[in-house]
Amino acid sequence: MSTKGNILIASSDHSKEEYVPVAQQLSSAGYNPVIYKVDKVLDSDESFTLNITNNGELSIFYEGVDISPKNILASWYRKVSDFNIRDKASDKAALLLLQDEVDSLHQSIWPLYDESIWLNAPENIYKAARKLGQLLVAKKAGFNIPETIVTSDWGAIKTRFFEDLSYKNIIVKMMRGVIVKDNTEMALPTTILDSNKVNLISERAVSFPGLYQEYINKYREWRVTVVGEEVFPVSIYTDKDAKDDWRKHQMTSSVTFKSERIDCDISEKCIKFLDDINLKFGAFDFVEKTSGEFVFLECNANGQYYALEERFNLPISSAITSELIKIAKA
C-alpha cells in the first residue's frame, strides 16, 4: 500500500513509550514512520548501512528501507544516546564510553539531513544544551534569570553571592552530572550551599567546573512542555525535603504534580525562546517565587514529557505528530 512518504524517528528502544504513539498517529495519517533504533543496530538485531561512494553519492539504508535524505519528509531525533546493549549493560563505564562514541558518530550522520526537516535538528539540540548560552537567550526572550558564576576562585563566589548580594544560600550543579563509581552510574544532583558549607568545601576542593547560582525561595516550580506553538504547563509542589531538586524525589510524597495554567506572557516567551534557537520542542523548568515572579532555570530540547502526558492526559504526542506532518507538507 502506498503512503504519503517516510518520516524518520531516530531513537532507541529505551524511548519506545514516547515514539510508539507518535508512530501510530503518523501511520493513521497515511505516512510511513521509519524508527531507527540505535540499540538494535548495536546488538545486530537490525541493520544500518551508510555509504558515500568515491563519486560523492550518499545512500543510507535501515532494515532494507532507503532512508537517504532525499527519501525523508520529516524527522524526529529523540534521545538516540539513551540505550543499553546486551554485552555492555553490566559495565557502566564501558556503556558510557560507548554512548559517547555513538553520540559522536551521530553528530556526523544526522547533519547530512537538511535542518528544515527536523522537529529539532540534532545540531540545534547540542547548541541548546549549553547552559550558559541558554541563560542569555532566556534573558533576551524576556525571562528573569538567576545570578550565575563559573569560576576557579572560591573568593569570587563568596564575595559576589554572600557579600555583594547578601544571599543566605546558593546552589551548585554540574554541566553533565553523571559519574560511574564501583560500576554504579550516579547522578550529581543540584546541591544547596550556605556560606559555612562553601568555606568547608573550599578547604579541600576546587570550585571549577561547577555552575553556581543563587538559591531561589520558591512557591512552586513548573515543567512547561512546548511543541510548536502549543504549551503544556505542569506545576510542581515540593515539601522541605525536596526543595533542592524535585527530580531526586519525584517518586515520593515530597513532590506533587498538578495541571495548572500559566500566564499567556510566559507561554509567549517560551515560544519566542524556541524560535530564537531554532527549535520546535522544548521542556522548560521554572521556579515561581511567592511574589508570582517566574525565574527561568533551563530548557531541555530533548526533555521528558511522557509521564506527565499520561498522568494529566496532555495531548503532547498529538502535538508532536501534527508538527511532523506540518514539516512533511512544507
Protein backbone atom coordinates (compact mmCIF):
# COMPACT_ATOMS: atom_id res chain seq x y z
CA MET A 1 0.00 0.00 0.00
CA SER A 2 1.40 3.39 -0.99
CA THR A 3 1.96 6.06 1.65
CA LYS A 4 2.43 9.81 1.63
CA GLY A 5 6.13 9.27 2.35
CA ASN A 6 8.66 8.39 5.03
CA ILE A 7 9.01 10.17 8.36
CA LEU A 8 12.15 9.20 10.26
CA ILE A 9 12.21 8.75 14.03
CA ALA A 10 15.79 8.40 15.27
CA SER A 11 15.74 6.94 18.77
CA SER A 12 16.29 3.74 20.75
CA ASP A 13 14.12 1.04 22.31
CA HIS A 14 14.57 2.88 25.60
CA SER A 15 12.17 5.61 24.38
CA LYS A 16 9.55 3.26 22.92
CA GLU A 17 6.70 4.56 25.08
CA GLU A 18 7.28 8.02 23.62
CA TYR A 19 7.68 7.30 19.93
CA VAL A 20 5.13 4.48 19.52
CA PRO A 21 2.06 6.76 19.98
CA VAL A 22 3.54 9.25 17.52
CA ALA A 23 4.35 6.50 15.00
CA GLN A 24 0.81 5.14 15.28
CA GLN A 25 -0.69 8.56 14.64
CA LEU A 26 1.62 9.12 11.66
CA SER A 27 0.55 5.76 10.20
CA SER A 28 -3.11 6.68 10.66
CA ALA A 29 -2.43 9.91 8.77
CA GLY A 30 -1.02 7.94 5.83
CA TYR A 31 2.71 8.30 6.45
CA ASN A 32 5.33 5.58 6.85
CA PRO A 33 7.20 6.06 10.14
CA VAL A 34 10.70 4.55 9.98
CA ILE A 35 12.03 4.08 13.51
CA TYR A 36 15.81 3.90 13.71
CA LYS A 37 16.71 2.18 16.99
CA VAL A 38 20.39 2.57 17.79
CA ASP A 39 20.44 -0.18 20.43
CA LYS A 40 19.00 -2.70 17.94
CA VAL A 41 21.74 -1.74 15.47
CA LEU A 42 24.44 -2.15 18.13
CA ASP A 43 23.04 -5.56 19.11
CA SER A 44 22.98 -6.56 15.40
CA ASP A 45 19.24 -7.16 15.63
CA GLU A 46 18.57 -4.57 12.92
CA SER A 47 20.73 -3.40 10.03
CA PHE A 48 22.00 0.07 9.20
CA THR A 49 24.32 0.93 6.31
CA LEU A 50 25.56 4.33 5.20
CA ASN A 51 27.66 4.53 2.05
CA ILE A 52 29.39 7.51 0.48
CA THR A 53 30.88 6.47 -2.85
CA ASN A 54 34.08 7.92 -4.27
CA ASN A 55 31.78 9.82 -6.63
CA GLY A 56 30.21 11.55 -3.64
CA GLU A 57 26.89 9.69 -3.83
CA LEU A 58 25.18 9.12 -0.47
CA SER A 59 22.91 6.23 0.41
CA ILE A 60 21.53 5.25 3.82
CA PHE A 61 19.53 2.06 4.41
CA TYR A 62 17.83 0.92 7.60
CA GLU A 63 16.25 -2.54 7.68
CA GLY A 64 16.06 -2.52 3.89
CA VAL A 65 14.35 0.88 3.73
CA ASP A 66 16.13 3.67 1.87
CA ILE A 67 16.26 6.49 4.41
CA SER A 68 18.65 8.66 2.42
CA PRO A 69 17.88 12.37 2.93
CA LYS A 70 16.04 12.61 -0.40
CA ASN A 71 13.52 9.99 0.81
CA ILE A 72 12.65 11.56 4.18
CA LEU A 73 9.93 14.20 4.53
CA ALA A 74 10.36 14.94 8.24
CA SER A 75 12.48 13.68 11.15
CA TRP A 76 12.34 13.46 14.93
CA TYR A 77 15.55 12.99 16.92
CA ARG A 78 14.54 11.51 20.27
CA LYS A 79 17.19 10.54 22.85
CA VAL A 80 19.32 8.49 20.47
CA SER A 81 22.10 8.11 23.03
CA ASP A 82 19.81 6.69 25.74
CA PHE A 83 20.27 2.94 25.42
CA ASN A 84 21.55 -0.32 26.90
CA ILE A 85 23.04 -3.19 24.92
CA ARG A 86 23.35 -6.80 25.97
CA ASP A 87 27.10 -7.25 26.39
CA LYS A 88 27.75 -3.79 27.87
CA ALA A 89 24.78 -3.28 30.19
CA SER A 90 26.64 -4.70 33.21
CA ASP A 91 29.72 -2.49 32.65
CA LYS A 92 28.53 1.05 33.27
CA ALA A 93 31.84 2.75 32.45
CA ALA A 94 32.07 0.90 29.12
CA LEU A 95 28.45 1.78 28.36
CA LEU A 96 29.05 5.49 29.00
CA LEU A 97 32.09 5.38 26.72
CA LEU A 98 30.09 3.62 24.02
CA GLN A 99 27.29 6.16 24.36
CA ASP A 100 29.81 8.96 23.83
CA GLU A 101 31.22 7.23 20.74
CA VAL A 102 27.75 6.65 19.29
CA ASP A 103 26.83 10.24 20.07
CA SER A 104 29.93 11.46 18.20
CA LEU A 105 29.09 9.29 15.19
CA HIS A 106 25.52 10.55 15.14
CA GLN A 107 26.81 14.11 15.17
CA SER A 108 28.28 13.28 11.75
CA ILE A 109 25.32 11.29 10.38
CA TRP A 110 22.29 13.42 11.14
CA PRO A 111 23.59 16.76 9.80
CA LEU A 112 23.55 15.03 6.40
CA TYR A 113 19.79 15.67 6.57
CA ASP A 114 18.63 19.23 5.95
CA GLU A 115 17.94 21.18 9.14
CA SER A 116 14.47 22.13 7.89
CA ILE A 117 13.09 18.56 8.05
CA TRP A 118 13.70 18.09 11.79
CA LEU A 119 11.35 18.73 14.68
CA ASN A 120 14.58 19.72 16.47
CA ALA A 121 17.69 19.48 14.31
CA PRO A 122 20.34 17.48 16.25
CA GLU A 123 22.96 20.21 15.88
CA ASN A 124 20.48 22.70 17.38
CA ILE A 125 19.79 20.31 20.26
CA TYR A 126 23.52 20.21 21.05
CA LYS A 127 23.76 24.00 20.88
CA ALA A 128 20.71 24.38 23.11
CA ALA A 129 22.26 22.10 25.75
CA ARG A 130 24.85 24.75 26.58
CA LYS A 131 23.50 26.01 29.88
CA LEU A 132 25.31 29.35 29.94
CA GLY A 133 24.20 30.33 26.46
CA GLN A 134 20.64 29.37 27.38
CA LEU A 135 20.59 31.98 30.12
CA LEU A 136 21.46 34.76 27.69
CA VAL A 137 18.83 33.59 25.19
CA ALA A 138 16.28 33.40 28.01
CA LYS A 139 17.04 36.96 29.10
CA LYS A 140 16.69 38.14 25.50
CA ALA A 141 13.30 36.40 25.33
CA GLY A 142 12.19 38.40 28.37
CA PHE A 143 12.63 35.87 31.20
CA ASN A 144 14.11 36.59 34.61
CA ILE A 145 17.30 34.56 35.09
CA PRO A 146 19.33 33.62 38.19
CA GLU A 147 22.66 35.22 39.07
CA THR A 148 25.26 32.72 37.81
CA ILE A 149 29.00 32.24 38.31
CA VAL A 150 31.50 29.76 36.88
CA THR A 151 34.91 30.29 38.43
CA SER A 152 38.07 28.64 39.71
CA ASP A 153 38.17 31.16 42.57
CA TRP A 154 36.18 30.42 45.73
CA GLY A 155 36.79 34.02 46.76
CA ALA A 156 34.77 35.26 43.79
CA ILE A 157 31.85 33.07 44.84
CA LYS A 158 31.98 34.22 48.45
CA THR A 159 32.34 37.89 47.58
CA ARG A 160 29.65 38.05 44.91
CA PHE A 161 26.98 35.86 46.48
CA PHE A 162 27.41 36.30 50.22
CA GLU A 163 28.85 39.82 50.48
CA ASP A 164 27.72 41.85 47.45
CA LEU A 165 24.28 40.22 47.11
CA SER A 166 23.81 39.00 50.72
CA TYR A 167 22.40 35.62 49.69
CA LYS A 168 21.84 33.12 52.50
CA ASN A 169 22.09 30.11 50.19
CA ILE A 170 23.35 29.28 46.73
CA ILE A 171 23.22 26.14 44.61
CA VAL A 172 25.87 24.25 42.69
CA LYS A 173 25.21 21.95 39.77
CA MET A 174 27.34 20.25 37.16
CA MET A 175 27.12 20.59 33.39
CA ARG A 176 26.52 16.85 32.91
CA GLY A 177 26.34 15.50 36.42
CA VAL A 178 26.92 11.77 35.79
CA ILE A 179 29.77 9.64 37.13
CA VAL A 180 30.44 5.91 37.49
CA LYS A 181 31.67 4.61 40.84
CA ASP A 182 32.06 0.89 41.64
CA ASN A 183 30.22 0.10 38.39
CA THR A 184 27.25 2.15 39.51
CA GLU A 185 26.07 5.13 37.49
CA MET A 186 25.47 8.03 39.84
CA ALA A 187 23.86 11.40 39.22
CA LEU A 188 25.30 14.52 40.79
CA PRO A 189 22.17 16.44 41.81
CA THR A 190 21.72 20.13 42.43
CA THR A 191 23.08 20.89 45.92
CA ILE A 192 22.24 23.78 48.27
CA LEU A 193 25.19 25.52 49.95
CA ASP A 194 25.38 28.21 52.61
CA SER A 195 28.49 30.25 53.41
CA ASN A 196 29.66 27.75 56.06
CA LYS A 197 29.46 24.85 53.61
CA VAL A 198 31.29 26.87 50.98
CA ASN A 199 34.06 27.59 53.49
CA LEU A 200 34.38 23.89 54.35
CA ILE A 201 34.37 22.74 50.72
CA SER A 202 36.86 25.41 49.66
CA GLU A 203 39.43 23.91 52.02
CA ARG A 204 39.51 20.58 50.17
CA ALA A 205 38.14 21.05 46.65
CA VAL A 206 38.35 23.40 43.69
CA SER A 207 35.27 25.28 42.59
CA PHE A 208 35.79 24.60 38.89
CA PRO A 209 33.95 23.31 36.80
CA GLY A 210 30.77 23.74 38.82
CA LEU A 211 27.97 26.16 37.94
CA TYR A 212 26.95 28.31 40.91
CA GLN A 213 23.66 30.19 41.13
CA GLU A 214 21.52 32.00 43.64
CA TYR A 215 19.13 29.73 45.53
CA ILE A 216 15.59 30.95 44.92
CA ASN A 217 12.97 30.50 47.64
CA LYS A 218 10.07 29.04 45.75
CA TYR A 219 6.32 28.89 45.97
CA ARG A 220 6.27 26.18 43.32
CA GLU A 221 8.15 25.01 40.24
CA TRP A 222 7.00 24.39 36.69
CA ARG A 223 7.73 21.99 33.87
CA VAL A 224 6.38 23.60 30.71
CA THR A 225 6.48 21.46 27.57
CA VAL A 226 6.20 23.38 24.31
CA VAL A 227 5.61 21.89 20.85
CA GLY A 228 5.46 24.46 18.08
CA GLU A 229 3.00 26.99 19.49
CA GLU A 230 1.22 24.58 21.83
CA VAL A 231 2.07 24.94 25.51
CA PHE A 232 1.52 22.28 28.20
CA PRO A 233 2.26 23.54 31.74
CA VAL A 234 2.51 21.33 34.84
CA SER A 235 3.17 22.79 38.29
CA ILE A 236 5.39 21.07 40.84
CA TYR A 237 4.93 21.47 44.60
CA THR A 238 7.68 20.28 46.93
CA ASP A 239 7.96 19.94 50.68
CA LYS A 240 11.07 20.84 52.68
CA ASP A 241 12.76 17.53 51.85
CA ALA A 242 12.63 18.15 48.09
CA LYS A 243 13.43 21.85 47.83
CA ASP A 244 16.91 21.21 46.40
CA ASP A 245 15.94 19.17 43.32
CA TRP A 246 12.46 17.72 42.73
CA ARG A 247 13.82 15.15 40.25
CA LYS A 248 15.55 13.27 43.07
CA HIS A 249 12.27 12.95 44.96
CA GLN A 250 9.65 12.82 42.20
CA MET A 251 8.57 9.27 43.06
CA THR A 252 7.93 10.18 46.71
CA SER A 253 5.19 12.03 48.56
CA SER A 254 7.52 15.02 48.84
CA VAL A 255 6.63 16.06 45.27
CA THR A 256 3.15 16.78 43.91
CA PHE A 257 2.38 17.49 40.24
CA LYS A 258 -0.67 19.44 39.10
CA SER A 259 -2.02 20.51 35.72
CA GLU A 260 -2.40 24.27 36.12
CA ARG A 261 -2.46 27.31 33.86
CA ILE A 262 0.32 29.83 33.33
CA ASP A 263 0.06 33.40 32.10
CA CYS A 264 -0.03 33.93 28.34
CA ASP A 265 3.06 36.11 28.78
CA ILE A 266 5.12 33.11 29.95
CA SER A 267 3.78 30.94 27.11
CA GLU A 268 4.69 33.58 24.54
CA LYS A 269 8.21 33.90 25.93
CA CYS A 270 8.67 30.11 25.78
CA ILE A 271 7.66 30.11 22.11
CA LYS A 272 9.98 33.05 21.41
CA PHE A 273 12.86 31.28 23.19
CA LEU A 274 12.45 28.18 21.00
CA ASP A 275 12.15 30.31 17.88
CA ASP A 276 15.38 32.15 18.78
CA ILE A 277 17.32 28.86 18.97
CA ASN A 278 15.56 27.20 16.01
CA LEU A 279 13.71 24.52 17.96
CA LYS A 280 10.11 23.33 17.81
CA PHE A 281 10.14 21.28 21.04
CA GLY A 282 11.40 22.17 24.49
CA ALA A 283 10.81 21.22 28.13
CA PHE A 284 11.25 24.33 30.29
CA ASP A 285 11.97 24.41 34.01
CA PHE A 286 10.96 27.46 36.05
CA VAL A 287 10.85 28.49 39.68
CA GLU A 288 7.92 30.65 40.76
CA LYS A 289 8.60 32.91 43.71
CA THR A 290 5.96 33.67 46.35
CA SER A 291 5.58 37.04 44.61
CA GLY A 292 4.46 35.26 41.44
CA GLU A 293 7.66 36.10 39.57
CA PHE A 294 8.90 33.34 37.25
CA VAL A 295 12.63 32.60 37.02
CA PHE A 296 13.99 30.60 34.09
CA LEU A 297 16.23 27.67 35.06
CA GLU A 298 16.77 25.78 31.81
CA CYS A 299 15.20 24.33 28.68
CA ASN A 300 15.83 20.72 27.68
CA ALA A 301 15.46 20.27 23.93
CA ASN A 302 15.00 16.52 24.45
CA GLY A 303 13.26 16.69 27.81
CA GLN A 304 10.99 14.08 29.36
CA TYR A 305 7.27 14.58 28.88
CA TYR A 306 5.52 11.22 28.56
CA ALA A 307 4.86 10.59 32.27
CA LEU A 308 3.13 13.96 32.54
CA GLU A 309 1.21 13.34 29.33
CA GLU A 310 -0.08 10.06 30.78
CA ARG A 311 -0.89 11.46 34.20
CA PHE A 312 -2.83 14.51 33.00
CA ASN A 313 -3.99 13.34 29.57
CA LEU A 314 -2.00 16.08 27.84
CA PRO A 315 -2.01 15.76 24.01
CA ILE A 316 1.75 16.24 23.66
CA SER A 317 2.22 13.23 21.36
CA SER A 318 -0.54 14.55 19.12
CA ALA A 319 1.16 17.95 19.01
CA ILE A 320 4.46 16.30 18.01
CA THR A 321 2.66 14.32 15.30
CA SER A 322 0.98 17.46 13.97
CA GLU A 323 4.28 19.31 13.88
CA LEU A 324 5.99 16.47 11.98
CA ILE A 325 3.15 16.37 9.44
CA LYS A 326 3.38 20.14 9.04
CA ILE A 327 7.10 19.75 8.27
CA ALA A 328 6.39 16.89 5.85
CA LYS A 329 3.92 19.02 3.93
CA ALA A 330 6.20 22.06 3.71
